Amino acid sequence: MEKLDVRGKMCPLPLFYVKRKMSEMKPGEELEVIADDITAKETIPKWSKIHDQEIVSFENKGDFFRIVVRRK
């Protein structure tokens, strides 16, 4: 599983990094995103749904959250 830590980055940067990383991945591969920007909490899942990527899990971890996205 690929990992992407974008804590400390404000939107639109977290989404930009997710999009770039996902474009490099093969179908079935997963990306673990760790972020703390409240806007990214909404934009990453919305982008994933629009672009037919699967949200495998979403966890709040206190000061940050963790999203796992699977490339389709």
N, C-alpha and C. Protein backbone atom coordinates (compact mmCIF):
# COMPACT_ATOMS: atom_id res chain seq x y z
N MET A 1 0.85 -1.18 0.00
CA MET A 1 0.00 0.00 0.00
C MET A 1 0.90 1.24 0.00
N GLU A 2 0.58 2.15 -0.91
CA GLU A 2 1.29 3.43 -0.96
C GLU A 2 0.79 4.32 0.18
N LYS A 3 1.65 5.19 0.68
CA LYS A 3 1.26 6.09 1.76
C LYS A 3 1.56 7.52 1.34
N LEU A 4 0.66 8.42 1.74
CA LEU A 4 0.79 9.83 1.43
C LEU A 4 0.41 10.63 2.67
N ASP A 5 1.38 11.30 3.25
CA ASP A 5 1.14 12.12 4.44
C ASP A 5 1.12 13.58 4.02
N VAL A 6 -0.05 14.18 4.07
CA VAL A 6 -0.20 15.58 3.66
C VAL A 6 -0.59 16.47 4.85
N ARG A 7 -0.27 16.02 6.05
CA ARG A 7 -0.55 16.85 7.22
C ARG A 7 0.21 18.16 7.10
N GLY A 8 -0.46 19.24 7.50
CA GLY A 8 0.14 20.57 7.44
C GLY A 8 -0.09 21.27 6.11
N LYS A 9 -0.67 20.57 5.15
CA LYS A 9 -0.94 21.17 3.84
C LYS A 9 -2.43 21.53 3.77
N MET A 10 -2.70 22.68 3.21
CA MET A 10 -4.08 23.17 3.10
C MET A 10 -4.60 22.92 1.70
N CYS A 11 -5.91 22.67 1.59
CA CYS A 11 -6.54 22.46 0.28
C CYS A 11 -6.34 23.71 -0.58
N PRO A 12 -6.05 23.48 -1.83
CA PRO A 12 -6.27 22.27 -2.60
C PRO A 12 -5.08 21.31 -2.66
N LEU A 13 -3.99 21.57 -1.93
CA LEU A 13 -2.79 20.73 -2.04
C LEU A 13 -3.02 19.26 -1.69
N PRO A 14 -3.72 18.91 -0.61
CA PRO A 14 -3.91 17.47 -0.34
C PRO A 14 -4.58 16.75 -1.51
N LEU A 15 -5.62 17.35 -2.07
CA LEU A 15 -6.31 16.72 -3.20
C LEU A 15 -5.39 16.65 -4.42
N PHE A 16 -4.62 17.67 -4.67
CA PHE A 16 -3.66 17.67 -5.79
C PHE A 16 -2.69 16.50 -5.66
N TYR A 17 -2.14 16.30 -4.46
CA TYR A 17 -1.19 15.20 -4.25
C TYR A 17 -1.86 13.83 -4.39
N VAL A 18 -3.09 13.72 -3.92
CA VAL A 18 -3.83 12.46 -4.06
C VAL A 18 -4.07 12.16 -5.54
N LYS A 19 -4.54 13.15 -6.29
CA LYS A 19 -4.80 12.94 -7.71
C LYS A 19 -3.53 12.54 -8.44
N ARG A 20 -2.43 13.20 -8.16
CA ARG A 20 -1.16 12.89 -8.82
C ARG A 20 -0.70 11.46 -8.50
N LYS A 21 -0.78 11.09 -7.23
CA LYS A 21 -0.34 9.76 -6.81
C LYS A 21 -1.24 8.68 -7.40
N MET A 22 -2.55 8.89 -7.38
CA MET A 22 -3.49 7.91 -7.93
C MET A 22 -3.26 7.69 -9.42
N SER A 23 -2.86 8.73 -10.14
CA SER A 23 -2.63 8.60 -11.58
C SER A 23 -1.43 7.71 -11.88
N GLU A 24 -0.53 7.55 -10.90
CA GLU A 24 0.65 6.71 -11.06
C GLU A 24 0.41 5.26 -10.66
N MET A 25 -0.74 5.00 -10.04
CA MET A 25 -1.02 3.68 -9.50
C MET A 25 -1.79 2.81 -10.49
N LYS A 26 -1.70 1.49 -10.29
CA LYS A 26 -2.41 0.53 -11.12
C LYS A 26 -3.75 0.17 -10.47
N PRO A 27 -4.72 -0.26 -11.28
CA PRO A 27 -6.01 -0.70 -10.72
C PRO A 27 -5.81 -1.75 -9.63
N GLY A 28 -6.55 -1.59 -8.54
CA GLY A 28 -6.47 -2.51 -7.41
C GLY A 28 -5.51 -2.06 -6.33
N GLU A 29 -4.58 -1.17 -6.65
CA GLU A 29 -3.64 -0.67 -5.64
C GLU A 29 -4.35 0.33 -4.73
N GLU A 30 -3.86 0.42 -3.50
CA GLU A 30 -4.47 1.29 -2.50
C GLU A 30 -3.51 2.38 -2.06
N LEU A 31 -4.09 3.53 -1.74
CA LEU A 31 -3.35 4.68 -1.25
C LEU A 31 -3.87 5.06 0.13
N GLU A 32 -2.99 5.08 1.11
CA GLU A 32 -3.34 5.54 2.45
C GLU A 32 -2.99 7.02 2.53
N VAL A 33 -4.00 7.84 2.80
CA VAL A 33 -3.81 9.29 2.90
C VAL A 33 -4.00 9.70 4.35
N ILE A 34 -3.01 10.42 4.87
CA ILE A 34 -3.10 10.97 6.23
C ILE A 34 -3.11 12.49 6.09
N ALA A 35 -4.15 13.12 6.59
CA ALA A 35 -4.31 14.56 6.42
C ALA A 35 -4.94 15.17 7.67
N ASP A 36 -4.79 16.48 7.77
CA ASP A 36 -5.40 17.18 8.90
C ASP A 36 -6.20 18.41 8.49
N ASP A 37 -6.29 18.68 7.19
CA ASP A 37 -7.08 19.81 6.70
C ASP A 37 -8.54 19.39 6.62
N ILE A 38 -9.40 20.11 7.30
CA ILE A 38 -10.82 19.77 7.38
C ILE A 38 -11.47 19.74 6.00
N THR A 39 -11.04 20.59 5.10
CA THR A 39 -11.60 20.60 3.75
C THR A 39 -11.28 19.31 3.00
N ALA A 40 -10.08 18.80 3.19
CA ALA A 40 -9.67 17.55 2.52
C ALA A 40 -10.54 16.38 2.97
N LYS A 41 -11.08 16.47 4.17
CA LYS A 41 -11.95 15.42 4.69
C LYS A 41 -13.17 15.23 3.80
N GLU A 42 -13.58 16.31 3.13
CA GLU A 42 -14.73 16.26 2.23
C GLU A 42 -14.31 16.12 0.76
N THR A 43 -13.25 16.84 0.36
CA THR A 43 -12.90 16.86 -1.06
C THR A 43 -12.33 15.54 -1.57
N ILE A 44 -11.54 14.87 -0.76
CA ILE A 44 -10.95 13.60 -1.21
C ILE A 44 -12.03 12.54 -1.45
N PRO A 45 -12.97 12.32 -0.51
CA PRO A 45 -14.05 11.36 -0.81
C PRO A 45 -14.93 11.78 -1.99
N LYS A 46 -15.22 13.08 -2.12
CA LYS A 46 -16.05 13.54 -3.24
C LYS A 46 -15.33 13.29 -4.56
N TRP A 47 -14.04 13.64 -4.62
CA TRP A 47 -13.26 13.42 -5.83
C TRP A 47 -13.22 11.92 -6.16
N SER A 48 -13.04 11.10 -5.14
CA SER A 48 -12.97 9.65 -5.34
C SER A 48 -14.27 9.12 -5.95
N LYS A 49 -15.40 9.58 -5.45
CA LYS A 49 -16.69 9.13 -5.97
C LYS A 49 -16.88 9.58 -7.41
N ILE A 50 -16.58 10.83 -7.71
CA ILE A 50 -16.73 11.36 -9.07
C ILE A 50 -15.86 10.60 -10.06
N HIS A 51 -14.66 10.22 -9.64
CA HIS A 51 -13.70 9.56 -10.53
C HIS A 51 -13.68 8.05 -10.36
N ASP A 52 -14.74 7.52 -9.77
CA ASP A 52 -14.95 6.07 -9.64
C ASP A 52 -13.80 5.36 -8.94
N GLN A 53 -13.27 5.98 -7.90
CA GLN A 53 -12.28 5.33 -7.04
C GLN A 53 -13.02 4.89 -5.77
N GLU A 54 -12.55 3.86 -5.13
CA GLU A 54 -13.25 3.29 -3.98
C GLU A 54 -12.62 3.74 -2.66
N ILE A 55 -13.44 4.27 -1.76
CA ILE A 55 -12.99 4.58 -0.41
C ILE A 55 -13.09 3.27 0.38
N VAL A 56 -11.95 2.72 0.76
CA VAL A 56 -11.90 1.46 1.49
C VAL A 56 -12.18 1.70 2.96
N SER A 57 -11.59 2.77 3.51
CA SER A 57 -11.84 3.09 4.92
C SER A 57 -11.60 4.57 5.16
N PHE A 58 -12.24 5.05 6.21
CA PHE A 58 -12.11 6.45 6.65
C PHE A 58 -12.12 6.43 8.17
N GLU A 59 -11.06 6.95 8.78
CA GLU A 59 -10.96 6.94 10.24
C GLU A 59 -10.54 8.31 10.75
N ASN A 60 -11.26 8.79 11.75
CA ASN A 60 -10.82 9.98 12.48
C ASN A 60 -9.83 9.54 13.54
N LYS A 61 -8.70 10.21 13.61
CA LYS A 61 -7.65 9.85 14.56
C LYS A 61 -7.33 11.00 15.51
N GLY A 62 -8.33 11.80 15.84
CA GLY A 62 -8.09 12.94 16.74
C GLY A 62 -7.69 14.17 15.95
N ASP A 63 -6.40 14.46 15.91
CA ASP A 63 -5.91 15.66 15.22
C ASP A 63 -5.79 15.48 13.71
N PHE A 64 -5.96 14.27 13.23
CA PHE A 64 -5.86 14.01 11.80
C PHE A 64 -6.82 12.89 11.43
N PHE A 65 -6.92 12.61 10.14
CA PHE A 65 -7.75 11.51 9.69
C PHE A 65 -6.99 10.69 8.67
N ARG A 66 -7.47 9.47 8.47
CA ARG A 66 -6.83 8.51 7.56
C ARG A 66 -7.88 8.00 6.59
N ILE A 67 -7.57 8.11 5.29
CA ILE A 67 -8.45 7.61 4.24
C ILE A 67 -7.66 6.62 3.40
N VAL A 68 -8.25 5.47 3.12
CA VAL A 68 -7.64 4.52 2.19
C VAL A 68 -8.51 4.50 0.94
N VAL A 69 -7.86 4.78 -0.20
CA VAL A 69 -8.54 4.84 -1.50
C VAL A 69 -7.96 3.74 -2.39
N ARG A 70 -8.85 2.99 -3.03
CA ARG A 70 -8.42 1.93 -3.96
C ARG A 70 -8.68 2.41 -5.38
N ARG A 71 -7.64 2.29 -6.21
CA ARG A 71 -7.78 2.66 -7.62
C ARG A 71 -8.55 1.58 -8.35
N LYS A 72 -9.54 1.98 -9.13
CA LYS A 72 -10.33 1.02 -9.92
C LYS A 72 -9.83 0.99 -11.34
